[in-house]
Amino acid sequence: MDHLDILESQSIYIIREAYKQYKDIAALWSIGKDSTTLMYLIRKAFYGKVPFPVIHIDTSYKFKEIYEFRDYLSKEWNFKVIVAKNQEALDCGVGPNSGDKLNCCTKLKTEALKQAIDKYKFKALLLGIRRDEHGIRAKERVFSPRNRYFEWDYKNQPPELWDQFKTKKDEDEHLRIHPLLHWTELDIWSYVQREKIPVVNLYFAKNGKRYRSIGCETCCEPVDSNADTIDKIVQELKTTKVSERSGRAQDKESAYVMQKLRALGYM
């Protein structure tokens, strides 16, 4: 059993344990490489099926390639997607060009997710975040509680020693569950390479540029790269000194802003 086999086994264990504990569970799918890998692992955990709803938070500002890939892969892998959108905020002019990134992310992402949870009564959510993405995400736990207001108490996280997880929650909480928390960016791409997992073509270099992290088109910038295949991406990551999320607007803000977003329920 190699390194990727061990990561895969741990993640499938977490996914199955989460489903065993919570039938009112859903997976969040951003359409990026990490959450698509999560979807692949969910299907592997349940023998080619996704036995619970899948949510896509639509800010209306995503790359067109993201929407196209969402429609293609959900049909190819045969699962239905709940598209969550805060239409009221959009109608009021909230957006990336309003000059307030904190309010934009909170209204178009966090509030949209809140609305979906309230509507469908979900008690647990599977997400594809990793500890190595950002210093604030490094504070997360695999089973991470949020209170009724979606707030994350990063100073009071349950211990998770020797893969012993606190899967129970208080009645007014919901759980964020992170099966990929122990993976790295290189692990993800090496697994995508090995398993031949399809990904959005934004990740592949064109004219010396590619995206390493994707989201809203207005908040993402490509990085210098000539990696136009998965094999080249894997090789690039073994030597690069550039941060994965260096092209994301949220990550150019202070650590306090990102921590504030996370505490308010940002993914």
Protein backbone atom coordinates (compact mmCIF):
# COMPACT_ATOMS: atom_id res chain seq x y z
CA MET A 1 0.00 0.00 0.00
CA ASP A 2 1.57 3.30 -1.09
CA HIS A 3 1.06 6.87 0.16
CA LEU A 4 -1.95 7.55 -2.09
CA ASP A 5 -3.59 4.28 -1.10
CA ILE A 6 -3.30 5.28 2.56
CA LEU A 7 -4.81 8.73 1.90
CA GLU A 8 -7.63 7.20 -0.13
CA SER A 9 -8.40 4.66 2.58
CA GLN A 10 -8.50 7.32 5.32
CA SER A 11 -10.80 9.55 3.28
CA ILE A 12 -13.20 6.74 2.39
CA TYR A 13 -13.33 5.77 6.07
CA ILE A 14 -14.27 9.37 7.01
CA ILE A 15 -16.91 9.58 4.26
CA ARG A 16 -18.54 6.29 5.29
CA GLU A 17 -18.40 7.19 8.98
CA ALA A 18 -20.08 10.54 8.25
CA TYR A 19 -22.86 8.85 6.26
CA LYS A 20 -23.32 6.25 8.99
CA GLN A 21 -23.79 8.99 11.59
CA TYR A 22 -25.90 11.37 9.48
CA LYS A 23 -28.48 10.50 6.86
CA ASP A 24 -29.38 14.21 6.50
CA ILE A 25 -25.99 14.93 4.92
CA ALA A 26 -24.87 16.64 1.71
CA ALA A 27 -21.61 17.25 -0.15
CA LEU A 28 -20.41 20.67 -1.30
CA TRP A 29 -19.01 20.70 -4.82
CA SER A 30 -17.20 23.86 -5.95
CA ILE A 31 -16.22 22.09 -9.22
CA GLY A 32 -12.53 22.61 -8.36
CA LYS A 33 -9.94 19.82 -8.30
CA ASP A 34 -10.30 19.14 -4.56
CA SER A 35 -14.08 18.89 -4.41
CA THR A 36 -14.13 16.88 -7.64
CA THR A 37 -11.65 14.48 -6.05
CA LEU A 38 -14.01 14.35 -3.06
CA MET A 39 -16.89 13.45 -5.39
CA TYR A 40 -14.75 10.71 -6.94
CA LEU A 41 -13.99 9.31 -3.47
CA ILE A 42 -17.67 9.43 -2.49
CA ARG A 43 -18.52 7.37 -5.56
CA LYS A 44 -15.71 4.96 -4.73
CA ALA A 45 -16.94 4.67 -1.13
CA PHE A 46 -20.45 3.75 -2.30
CA TYR A 47 -19.64 1.61 -5.34
CA GLY A 48 -20.23 4.17 -8.06
CA LYS A 49 -23.16 6.02 -6.49
CA VAL A 50 -23.61 9.27 -4.59
CA PRO A 51 -26.23 8.42 -1.93
CA PHE A 52 -26.92 11.98 -0.75
CA PRO A 53 -27.48 15.45 -2.26
CA VAL A 54 -24.69 17.53 -3.80
CA ILE A 55 -24.73 21.33 -3.39
CA HIS A 56 -23.09 23.87 -5.68
CA ILE A 57 -22.96 27.44 -4.34
CA ASP A 58 -23.54 29.64 -7.38
CA THR A 59 -22.47 33.26 -6.97
CA SER A 60 -23.30 33.95 -10.65
CA TYR A 61 -19.67 35.06 -11.11
CA LYS A 62 -17.99 31.70 -11.72
CA PHE A 63 -16.03 30.91 -14.87
CA LYS A 64 -18.22 29.64 -17.70
CA GLU A 65 -15.95 26.57 -17.79
CA ILE A 66 -17.04 25.77 -14.24
CA TYR A 67 -20.73 25.76 -15.17
CA GLU A 68 -20.05 23.67 -18.26
CA PHE A 69 -17.99 21.15 -16.28
CA ARG A 70 -20.66 20.98 -13.54
CA ASP A 71 -23.35 20.04 -16.05
CA TYR A 72 -21.09 17.59 -17.89
CA LEU A 73 -19.72 15.66 -14.90
CA SER A 74 -22.96 15.48 -12.91
CA LYS A 75 -24.53 13.83 -15.95
CA GLU A 76 -21.51 11.59 -16.62
CA TRP A 77 -21.34 10.44 -12.98
CA ASN A 78 -25.13 10.37 -12.60
CA PHE A 79 -25.80 12.58 -9.59
CA LYS A 80 -28.12 15.53 -9.13
CA VAL A 81 -26.90 18.94 -8.06
CA ILE A 82 -28.74 21.41 -5.84
CA VAL A 83 -27.76 24.88 -7.06
CA ALA A 84 -27.84 27.31 -4.13
CA LYS A 85 -27.95 31.01 -4.96
CA ASN A 86 -28.71 34.08 -2.82
CA GLN A 87 -30.87 35.78 -5.41
CA GLU A 88 -32.02 38.50 -3.03
CA ALA A 89 -28.43 39.66 -2.48
CA LEU A 90 -27.71 39.57 -6.22
CA ASP A 91 -30.84 41.64 -6.89
CA CYS A 92 -29.55 44.20 -4.36
CA GLY A 93 -26.30 44.58 -6.27
CA VAL A 94 -23.99 42.51 -4.05
CA GLY A 95 -21.03 41.31 -6.09
CA PRO A 96 -17.24 41.28 -6.50
CA ASN A 97 -17.24 44.83 -7.90
CA SER A 98 -19.02 46.32 -4.89
CA GLY A 99 -15.65 46.90 -3.17
CA ASP A 100 -16.39 44.83 -0.06
CA LYS A 101 -14.97 41.30 -0.43
CA LEU A 102 -16.02 40.30 3.09
CA ASN A 103 -19.66 41.21 2.44
CA CYS A 104 -19.60 39.67 -1.06
CA CYS A 105 -18.30 36.28 0.11
CA THR A 106 -20.59 36.31 3.13
CA LYS A 107 -23.75 37.13 1.15
CA LEU A 108 -23.13 35.13 -2.02
CA LYS A 109 -21.48 32.06 -0.48
CA THR A 110 -22.15 31.76 3.24
CA GLU A 111 -25.72 33.09 3.15
CA ALA A 112 -26.53 30.99 0.09
CA LEU A 113 -25.32 27.90 1.96
CA LYS A 114 -27.35 28.88 5.04
CA GLN A 115 -30.45 29.14 2.90
CA ALA A 116 -29.83 25.68 1.42
CA ILE A 117 -29.31 24.12 4.86
CA ASP A 118 -32.48 25.75 6.18
CA LYS A 119 -34.48 24.61 3.16
CA TYR A 120 -33.28 21.00 3.07
CA LYS A 121 -32.57 20.58 6.83
CA PHE A 122 -29.05 19.25 6.41
CA LYS A 123 -27.19 18.42 9.63
CA ALA A 124 -23.79 17.63 8.14
CA LEU A 125 -21.78 18.73 5.11
CA LEU A 126 -18.82 17.11 3.37
CA LEU A 127 -16.26 19.60 2.01
CA GLY A 128 -13.03 19.22 0.04
CA ILE A 129 -10.75 21.63 1.93
CA ARG A 130 -7.14 20.84 2.90
CA ARG A 131 -4.97 22.05 5.78
CA ASP A 132 -2.12 23.13 3.52
CA GLU A 133 -4.30 25.55 1.52
CA HIS A 134 -4.21 28.38 4.04
CA GLY A 135 -2.95 29.04 7.55
CA ILE A 136 -6.51 29.51 8.83
CA ARG A 137 -7.70 26.22 7.36
CA ALA A 138 -4.80 24.51 9.12
CA LYS A 139 -6.75 25.06 12.37
CA GLU A 140 -9.66 22.92 11.17
CA ARG A 141 -10.67 19.46 12.38
CA VAL A 142 -12.00 16.58 10.30
CA PHE A 143 -15.37 16.77 12.10
CA SER A 144 -15.80 20.49 12.76
CA PRO A 145 -18.94 21.86 14.47
CA ARG A 146 -20.67 25.12 13.52
CA ASN A 147 -23.30 26.72 15.75
CA ARG A 148 -26.81 27.74 14.73
CA TYR A 149 -25.44 31.03 13.41
CA PHE A 150 -22.86 29.21 11.25
CA GLU A 151 -20.05 30.56 13.42
CA TRP A 152 -16.82 28.56 13.75
CA ASP A 153 -15.12 28.70 17.16
CA TYR A 154 -11.56 28.13 15.95
CA LYS A 155 -10.24 28.57 19.51
CA ASN A 156 -12.33 25.70 20.85
CA GLN A 157 -11.92 22.79 18.45
CA PRO A 158 -12.36 19.18 19.61
CA PRO A 159 -9.13 17.14 19.82
CA GLU A 160 -8.65 14.48 17.15
CA LEU A 161 -5.92 12.16 18.36
CA TRP A 162 -5.14 8.84 16.68
CA ASP A 163 -8.03 9.32 14.23
CA GLN A 164 -10.59 9.45 17.03
CA PHE A 165 -13.22 11.93 15.83
CA LYS A 166 -16.00 13.66 17.70
CA THR A 167 -18.88 12.83 15.37
CA LYS A 168 -21.67 13.88 17.71
CA LYS A 169 -22.91 17.45 17.83
CA ASP A 170 -25.26 19.59 19.86
CA GLU A 171 -28.84 19.84 18.67
CA ASP A 172 -28.46 23.38 17.31
CA GLU A 173 -25.18 22.69 15.48
CA HIS A 174 -24.29 21.34 12.08
CA LEU A 175 -21.03 19.60 11.23
CA ARG A 176 -18.52 20.40 8.52
CA ILE A 177 -16.69 17.19 7.62
CA HIS A 178 -13.36 17.36 5.77
CA PRO A 179 -12.26 14.00 4.30
CA LEU A 180 -9.33 15.61 2.41
CA LEU A 181 -7.94 17.63 5.29
CA HIS A 182 -4.79 15.50 5.49
CA TRP A 183 -4.03 15.73 1.73
CA THR A 184 -1.68 18.23 0.04
CA GLU A 185 -2.01 19.92 -3.33
CA LEU A 186 0.59 17.53 -4.74
CA ASP A 187 -1.31 14.57 -3.28
CA ILE A 188 -4.48 15.71 -5.04
CA TRP A 189 -2.82 16.07 -8.42
CA SER A 190 -0.91 12.80 -8.05
CA TYR A 191 -4.21 11.06 -7.26
CA VAL A 192 -5.97 12.78 -10.18
CA GLN A 193 -3.10 11.58 -12.36
CA ARG A 194 -3.29 7.99 -11.09
CA GLU A 195 -7.07 7.67 -11.13
CA LYS A 196 -7.57 9.69 -14.33
CA ILE A 197 -10.11 11.99 -12.65
CA PRO A 198 -11.49 14.66 -15.01
CA VAL A 199 -10.87 18.30 -14.02
CA VAL A 200 -11.79 21.72 -15.41
CA ASN A 201 -9.45 22.80 -18.20
CA LEU A 202 -8.73 26.10 -16.40
CA TYR A 203 -5.98 24.25 -14.55
CA PHE A 204 -4.00 23.65 -17.75
CA ALA A 205 -1.61 26.30 -19.04
CA LYS A 206 -2.45 28.45 -22.05
CA ASN A 207 -0.04 31.10 -23.32
CA GLY A 208 2.20 30.65 -20.28
CA LYS A 209 -0.55 31.04 -17.67
CA ARG A 210 -2.79 28.67 -15.71
CA TYR A 211 -5.08 28.75 -12.70
CA ARG A 212 -4.02 26.83 -9.60
CA SER A 213 -7.13 27.73 -7.62
CA ILE A 214 -10.50 28.58 -9.14
CA GLY A 215 -13.69 30.25 -7.97
CA CYS A 216 -15.35 33.48 -9.05
CA GLU A 217 -13.82 34.73 -12.29
CA THR A 218 -13.53 38.29 -10.96
CA CYS A 219 -11.49 37.14 -7.95
CA CYS A 220 -9.02 34.75 -9.57
CA GLU A 221 -5.80 35.40 -11.46
CA PRO A 222 -3.66 32.85 -13.33
CA VAL A 223 -0.05 32.18 -12.38
CA ASP A 224 2.93 31.84 -14.68
CA SER A 225 3.17 28.24 -15.85
CA ASN A 226 3.74 26.06 -18.89
CA ALA A 227 2.11 22.99 -17.31
CA ASP A 228 -0.53 22.05 -19.87
CA THR A 229 -0.98 18.41 -18.80
CA ILE A 230 -1.55 16.68 -15.46
CA ASP A 231 1.89 15.07 -15.68
CA LYS A 232 3.50 18.50 -16.07
CA ILE A 233 1.42 19.94 -13.20
CA VAL A 234 2.67 17.17 -10.90
CA GLN A 235 6.27 17.87 -11.89
CA GLU A 236 5.79 21.62 -11.48
CA LEU A 237 4.44 21.24 -7.95
CA LYS A 238 7.53 19.35 -6.86
CA THR A 239 9.68 22.46 -7.35
CA THR A 240 7.44 25.56 -7.29
CA LYS A 241 7.72 28.17 -4.52
CA VAL A 242 4.51 29.95 -5.56
CA SER A 243 1.57 29.68 -3.15
CA GLU A 244 -1.39 27.70 -4.44
CA ARG A 245 -3.91 30.43 -3.67
CA SER A 246 -1.69 33.36 -4.65
CA GLY A 247 -4.18 34.20 -7.38
CA ARG A 248 -7.23 34.28 -5.09
CA ALA A 249 -8.42 37.72 -3.98
CA GLN A 250 -9.40 36.52 -0.49
CA ASP A 251 -5.88 35.29 0.15
CA LYS A 252 -4.34 38.65 -0.73
CA GLU A 253 -6.18 40.18 2.20
CA SER A 254 -4.84 40.03 5.74
CA ALA A 255 -4.95 36.78 7.69
CA TYR A 256 -7.54 38.48 9.91
CA VAL A 257 -9.95 38.91 7.00
CA MET A 258 -9.68 35.26 5.99
CA GLN A 259 -10.11 34.19 9.61
CA LYS A 260 -13.16 36.43 9.89
CA LEU A 261 -14.65 34.87 6.73
CA ARG A 262 -14.03 31.37 8.08
CA ALA A 263 -15.48 32.24 11.49
CA LEU A 264 -18.64 33.50 9.76
CA GLY A 265 -19.06 30.24 7.87
CA TYR A 266 -17.03 30.73 4.68
CA MET A 267 -16.02 27.46 3.02
